[in-house]
Amino acid sequence: MAWRKKRGGDSSPGASPRYSDEREKVPRGLVPMVTGCGERVMLPVRLLTHPCIAELLDMAAQQYGYGQPGVLRIPCDAGHFRAVVDSALQS
């Protein structure tokens, strides 16, 4: 689920990451996200409507707002996010 770390760019918190042309291409059917600890992950689009994922998206909207630039940030650590995704994949 994870993709490569960014090269260069602005390293300030909340900054929109800059990727080389090769890394900007997200495979079809996946949504790039960043967990609260900064780990980059790819989520299958079909999981966006799952109640657990929808709750994380609501939390992100409350914490960061709807107009956050760049990749979507999820306000939880990578371990919790993986557990939620694994649960959603199995249901």
C-alpha atoms as a PDB file:
ATOM      1  CA  MET A   1       0.000   0.000   0.000  1.00  0.00           C
ATOM      2  CA  ALA A   2       2.868   2.456   0.536  1.00  0.00           C
ATOM      3  CA  TRP A   3       4.630   4.448  -2.168  1.00  0.00           C
ATOM      4  CA  ARG A   4       8.090   5.964  -2.298  1.00  0.00           C
ATOM      5  CA  LYS A   5       9.179   8.911  -0.209  1.00  0.00           C
ATOM      6  CA  LYS A   6       9.364  12.325  -1.821  1.00  0.00           C
ATOM      7  CA  ARG A   7      12.571  13.728  -3.230  1.00  0.00           C
ATOM      8  CA  GLY A   8      13.475  17.279  -2.258  1.00  0.00           C
ATOM      9  CA  GLY A   9      10.701  19.834  -2.032  1.00  0.00           C
ATOM     10  CA  ASP A  10       9.424  21.714   0.992  1.00  0.00           C
ATOM     11  CA  SER A  11       9.823  19.755   4.217  1.00  0.00           C
ATOM     12  CA  SER A  12       7.692  22.016   6.396  1.00  0.00           C
ATOM     13  CA  PRO A  13       4.693  20.390   8.147  1.00  0.00           C
ATOM     14  CA  GLY A  14       1.486  20.544   6.150  1.00  0.00           C
ATOM     15  CA  ALA A  15       3.303  21.468   2.950  1.00  0.00           C
ATOM     16  CA  SER A  16       2.136  19.932  -0.283  1.00  0.00           C
ATOM     17  CA  PRO A  17       4.733  17.326  -1.247  1.00  0.00           C
ATOM     18  CA  ARG A  18       6.525  17.612  -4.580  1.00  0.00           C
ATOM     19  CA  TYR A  19       7.268  14.448  -6.520  1.00  0.00           C
ATOM     20  CA  SER A  20       9.133  13.711  -9.708  1.00  0.00           C
ATOM     21  CA  ASP A  21       6.899  13.046 -12.725  1.00  0.00           C
ATOM     22  CA  GLU A  22       7.346   9.300 -12.227  1.00  0.00           C
ATOM     23  CA  ARG A  23       6.090   9.414  -8.653  1.00  0.00           C
ATOM     24  CA  GLU A  24       3.087  11.644  -9.366  1.00  0.00           C
ATOM     25  CA  LYS A  25       1.383   8.850 -11.259  1.00  0.00           C
ATOM     26  CA  VAL A  26      -1.018   7.057  -8.933  1.00  0.00           C
ATOM     27  CA  PRO A  27      -2.269   3.706 -10.197  1.00  0.00           C
ATOM     28  CA  ARG A  28      -5.889   3.696 -11.303  1.00  0.00           C
ATOM     29  CA  GLY A  29      -8.303   2.716  -8.543  1.00  0.00           C
ATOM     30  CA  LEU A  30      -6.108   3.969  -5.692  1.00  0.00           C
ATOM     31  CA  VAL A  31      -6.202   7.156  -3.605  1.00  0.00           C
ATOM     32  CA  PRO A  32      -2.943   8.513  -2.142  1.00  0.00           C
ATOM     33  CA  MET A  33      -3.082   9.470   1.545  1.00  0.00           C
ATOM     34  CA  VAL A  34      -0.668  10.446   4.319  1.00  0.00           C
ATOM     35  CA  THR A  35      -1.143   9.220   7.891  1.00  0.00           C
ATOM     36  CA  GLY A  36      -0.674  11.494  10.885  1.00  0.00           C
ATOM     37  CA  CYS A  37       2.890  10.216  11.353  1.00  0.00           C
ATOM     38  CA  GLY A  38       3.771  11.059   7.734  1.00  0.00           C
ATOM     39  CA  GLU A  39       3.672   7.596   6.170  1.00  0.00           C
ATOM     40  CA  ARG A  40       2.368   7.659   2.617  1.00  0.00           C
ATOM     41  CA  VAL A  41      -0.206   4.995   1.740  1.00  0.00           C
ATOM     42  CA  MET A  42      -2.477   4.112  -1.166  1.00  0.00           C
ATOM     43  CA  LEU A  43      -6.083   3.182  -0.471  1.00  0.00           C
ATOM     44  CA  PRO A  44      -8.341   1.344  -2.925  1.00  0.00           C
ATOM     45  CA  VAL A  45     -11.139   3.688  -4.054  1.00  0.00           C
ATOM     46  CA  ARG A  46     -13.765   1.046  -3.283  1.00  0.00           C
ATOM     47  CA  LEU A  47     -12.989   1.393   0.435  1.00  0.00           C
ATOM     48  CA  LEU A  48     -13.884   5.101   0.593  1.00  0.00           C
ATOM     49  CA  THR A  49     -17.524   4.241   1.321  1.00  0.00           C
ATOM     50  CA  HIS A  50     -16.725   1.739   4.082  1.00  0.00           C
ATOM     51  CA  PRO A  51     -18.035   3.112   7.437  1.00  0.00           C
ATOM     52  CA  CYS A  52     -14.628   2.885   9.202  1.00  0.00           C
ATOM     53  CA  ILE A  53     -12.821   4.697   6.388  1.00  0.00           C
ATOM     54  CA  ALA A  54     -15.632   7.250   6.135  1.00  0.00           C
ATOM     55  CA  GLU A  55     -15.194   7.976   9.855  1.00  0.00           C
ATOM     56  CA  LEU A  56     -11.470   8.611   9.321  1.00  0.00           C
ATOM     57  CA  LEU A  57     -12.319  10.945   6.434  1.00  0.00           C
ATOM     58  CA  ASP A  58     -14.766  12.829   8.695  1.00  0.00           C
ATOM     59  CA  MET A  59     -12.031  13.158  11.316  1.00  0.00           C
ATOM     60  CA  ALA A  60      -9.656  14.487   8.647  1.00  0.00           C
ATOM     61  CA  ALA A  61     -12.241  17.057   7.548  1.00  0.00           C
ATOM     62  CA  GLN A  62     -12.740  18.219  11.139  1.00  0.00           C
ATOM     63  CA  GLN A  63      -9.016  18.475  11.861  1.00  0.00           C
ATOM     64  CA  TYR A  64      -7.658  19.767   8.545  1.00  0.00           C
ATOM     65  CA  GLY A  65     -10.730  21.128   6.733  1.00  0.00           C
ATOM     66  CA  TYR A  66     -11.920  20.338   3.236  1.00  0.00           C
ATOM     67  CA  GLY A  67      -9.462  22.639   1.464  1.00  0.00           C
ATOM     68  CA  GLN A  68      -6.212  20.946   2.473  1.00  0.00           C
ATOM     69  CA  PRO A  69      -3.663  21.165  -0.359  1.00  0.00           C
ATOM     70  CA  GLY A  70      -1.828  18.161  -1.746  1.00  0.00           C
ATOM     71  CA  VAL A  71      -2.311  14.596  -0.588  1.00  0.00           C
ATOM     72  CA  LEU A  72      -5.191  13.767   1.742  1.00  0.00           C
ATOM     73  CA  ARG A  73      -4.036  13.562   5.384  1.00  0.00           C
ATOM     74  CA  ILE A  74      -5.581  11.093   7.820  1.00  0.00           C
ATOM     75  CA  PRO A  75      -5.297  12.002  11.542  1.00  0.00           C
ATOM     76  CA  CYS A  76      -4.122   8.647  12.921  1.00  0.00           C
ATOM     77  CA  ASP A  77      -0.885   6.704  13.087  1.00  0.00           C
ATOM     78  CA  ALA A  78       0.079   4.198  10.403  1.00  0.00           C
ATOM     79  CA  GLY A  79      -0.580   1.140  12.593  1.00  0.00           C
ATOM     80  CA  HIS A  80      -4.145   2.188  13.361  1.00  0.00           C
ATOM     81  CA  PHE A  81      -4.763   3.093   9.718  1.00  0.00           C
ATOM     82  CA  ARG A  82      -3.503  -0.327   8.557  1.00  0.00           C
ATOM     83  CA  ALA A  83      -5.773  -2.059  11.083  1.00  0.00           C
ATOM     84  CA  VAL A  84      -8.793  -0.084   9.828  1.00  0.00           C
ATOM     85  CA  VAL A  85      -7.945  -0.840   6.189  1.00  0.00           C
ATOM     86  CA  ASP A  86      -7.416  -4.542   6.919  1.00  0.00           C
ATOM     87  CA  SER A  87     -10.786  -4.662   8.660  1.00  0.00           C
ATOM     88  CA  ALA A  88     -12.460  -2.914   5.740  1.00  0.00           C
ATOM     89  CA  LEU A  89     -10.850  -5.283   3.230  1.00  0.00           C
ATOM     90  CA  GLN A  90     -12.134  -8.332   5.109  1.00  0.00           C
ATOM     91  CA  SER A  91     -15.750  -7.163   5.367  1.00  0.00           C
END
